[in-house]
Amino acid sequence: MPRRVTLAGVVAVHLLANLAHGAVHAAVPVALSPGQWAFVALVVVLAPVVGFAFARRGDDAAGAAVVALSLAASLAFGLFFHFAVPNPDHVRAVGGAWSESFSATAALIAAVDGVGALVCGWVALSEAGQ
């Protein structure tokens, strides 16, 4: 049960951090391509919720694994678009009043997703070993 609380906390913080970044995205505005929207909807938002639902139904190992993998994929996506490749979604491409908020929330989701993926990966391995 405490591991489900951990998963719930990780998923909640992940979703809140992404909601904050999404609000800044809308305010800037930085548009996402249809493919990026699909990735965000399916991998960033839906997959962690589905993973937590697996855990709530009693499959803690699979649930934690789904959350860990979705957060790792979200981290890779964010690092690629926000920090690695020059594009309109890169932190250095966003100027003006929202520049600092955009950079801060991009860094926040990277940190949350990185730590969250590690924590949920540990939970998945711990559960699988029982």
Protein backbone atom coordinates (compact mmCIF):
# COMPACT_ATOMS: atom_id res chain seq x y z
CA MET A 1 0.00 0.00 0.00
CA PRO A 2 2.72 2.61 0.77
CA ARG A 3 4.14 1.99 -2.70
CA ARG A 4 0.79 2.93 -4.24
CA VAL A 5 0.90 6.16 -2.25
CA THR A 6 4.35 6.77 -3.72
CA LEU A 7 3.04 6.10 -7.24
CA ALA A 8 0.07 8.39 -6.63
CA GLY A 9 2.39 11.15 -5.44
CA VAL A 10 4.73 10.78 -8.40
CA VAL A 11 1.85 10.81 -10.90
CA ALA A 12 0.21 13.81 -9.21
CA VAL A 13 3.43 15.86 -9.15
CA HIS A 14 4.16 14.89 -12.77
CA LEU A 15 0.70 16.00 -13.91
CA LEU A 16 0.82 19.25 -11.91
CA ALA A 17 4.27 20.15 -13.27
CA ASN A 18 3.09 19.45 -16.81
CA LEU A 19 -0.09 21.46 -16.23
CA ALA A 20 2.03 24.42 -15.12
CA HIS A 21 4.27 24.10 -18.18
CA GLY A 22 1.23 23.70 -20.43
CA ALA A 23 -0.23 26.93 -19.08
CA VAL A 24 3.01 28.76 -19.88
CA HIS A 25 3.04 27.12 -23.34
CA ALA A 26 -0.41 28.54 -23.98
CA ALA A 27 0.54 31.99 -22.71
CA VAL A 28 3.72 32.31 -24.81
CA PRO A 29 2.26 30.77 -27.18
CA VAL A 30 4.37 27.88 -28.44
CA ALA A 31 2.28 25.58 -30.61
CA LEU A 32 2.84 21.84 -30.71
CA SER A 33 2.66 19.80 -33.90
CA PRO A 34 -0.09 17.17 -34.19
CA GLY A 35 2.49 14.46 -33.44
CA GLN A 36 3.70 16.31 -30.36
CA TRP A 37 0.10 16.75 -29.18
CA ALA A 38 -0.50 13.03 -29.62
CA PHE A 39 2.65 12.20 -27.64
CA VAL A 40 1.70 14.59 -24.85
CA ALA A 41 -1.86 13.28 -24.67
CA LEU A 42 -0.99 9.58 -24.80
CA VAL A 43 2.43 9.29 -23.12
CA VAL A 44 2.72 12.33 -20.87
CA VAL A 45 -0.88 12.49 -19.60
CA LEU A 46 -2.71 9.20 -20.19
CA ALA A 47 0.01 6.58 -19.67
CA PRO A 48 0.90 7.56 -16.07
CA VAL A 49 -2.80 7.57 -15.15
CA VAL A 50 -3.25 4.13 -16.72
CA GLY A 51 -0.17 2.88 -14.87
CA PHE A 52 -1.56 4.08 -11.58
CA ALA A 53 -4.90 2.45 -12.43
CA PHE A 54 -3.07 -0.89 -12.89
CA ALA A 55 -1.55 -0.47 -9.44
CA ARG A 56 -4.91 0.40 -7.90
CA ARG A 57 -6.33 -2.81 -9.37
CA GLY A 58 -3.60 -4.82 -7.64
CA ASP A 59 -0.86 -5.09 -10.24
CA ASP A 60 1.67 -2.83 -8.55
CA ALA A 61 4.67 -4.06 -10.56
CA ALA A 62 3.03 -3.47 -13.95
CA GLY A 63 1.55 -0.16 -12.83
CA ALA A 64 4.87 1.13 -11.56
CA ALA A 65 6.59 -0.07 -14.74
CA VAL A 66 4.08 1.76 -16.96
CA VAL A 67 4.52 4.95 -14.92
CA ALA A 68 8.33 4.62 -14.97
CA LEU A 69 8.44 4.07 -18.72
CA SER A 70 6.02 6.90 -19.46
CA LEU A 71 7.99 9.32 -17.29
CA ALA A 72 11.26 8.23 -18.91
CA ALA A 73 9.72 8.81 -22.35
CA SER A 74 8.34 12.17 -21.19
CA LEU A 75 11.81 13.11 -19.91
CA ALA A 76 13.43 12.21 -23.24
CA PHE A 77 10.77 14.18 -25.15
CA GLY A 78 11.22 17.24 -22.94
CA LEU A 79 15.02 17.14 -23.02
CA PHE A 80 14.98 16.80 -26.80
CA PHE A 81 12.54 19.64 -27.52
CA HIS A 82 13.31 22.01 -24.62
CA PHE A 83 17.08 21.72 -24.37
CA ALA A 84 18.76 19.74 -27.18
CA VAL A 85 17.47 20.67 -30.63
CA PRO A 86 16.87 24.25 -31.78
CA ASN A 87 13.13 24.62 -32.44
CA PRO A 88 10.30 26.95 -31.33
CA ASP A 89 9.88 24.82 -28.15
CA HIS A 90 13.52 25.24 -27.06
CA VAL A 91 14.00 27.29 -23.89
CA ARG A 92 16.31 29.71 -25.69
CA ALA A 93 13.75 30.31 -28.45
CA VAL A 94 11.16 31.66 -26.01
CA GLY A 95 11.67 35.30 -25.19
CA GLY A 96 9.70 38.05 -23.56
CA ALA A 97 7.81 38.10 -20.32
CA TRP A 98 7.27 34.32 -20.20
CA SER A 99 10.88 33.32 -20.90
CA GLU A 100 11.85 32.61 -17.29
CA SER A 101 8.60 30.78 -16.51
CA PHE A 102 8.97 28.67 -19.64
CA SER A 103 12.56 27.73 -18.75
CA ALA A 104 11.72 27.09 -15.09
CA THR A 105 8.74 24.85 -15.83
CA ALA A 106 10.70 22.98 -18.53
CA ALA A 107 13.45 22.32 -15.97
CA LEU A 108 10.85 21.38 -13.37
CA ILE A 109 9.24 18.73 -15.54
CA ALA A 110 12.68 17.35 -16.45
CA ALA A 111 13.56 17.01 -12.77
CA VAL A 112 10.17 15.57 -11.81
CA ASP A 113 10.20 13.10 -14.68
CA GLY A 114 13.79 12.02 -14.05
CA VAL A 115 13.32 11.44 -10.33
CA GLY A 116 9.84 9.99 -10.86
CA ALA A 117 11.08 7.49 -13.46
CA LEU A 118 13.81 6.32 -11.08
CA VAL A 119 11.45 6.02 -8.11
CA CYS A 120 8.79 4.17 -10.10
CA GLY A 121 11.42 1.93 -11.69
CA TRP A 122 12.60 1.01 -8.20
CA VAL A 123 9.00 0.31 -7.13
CA ALA A 124 8.46 -1.86 -10.22
CA LEU A 125 11.61 -3.88 -9.57
CA SER A 126 10.78 -4.21 -5.87
CA GLU A 127 7.27 -5.42 -6.63
CA ALA A 128 8.44 -7.84 -9.31
CA GLY A 129 10.92 -9.35 -6.85
CA GLN A 130 8.30 -10.18 -4.24
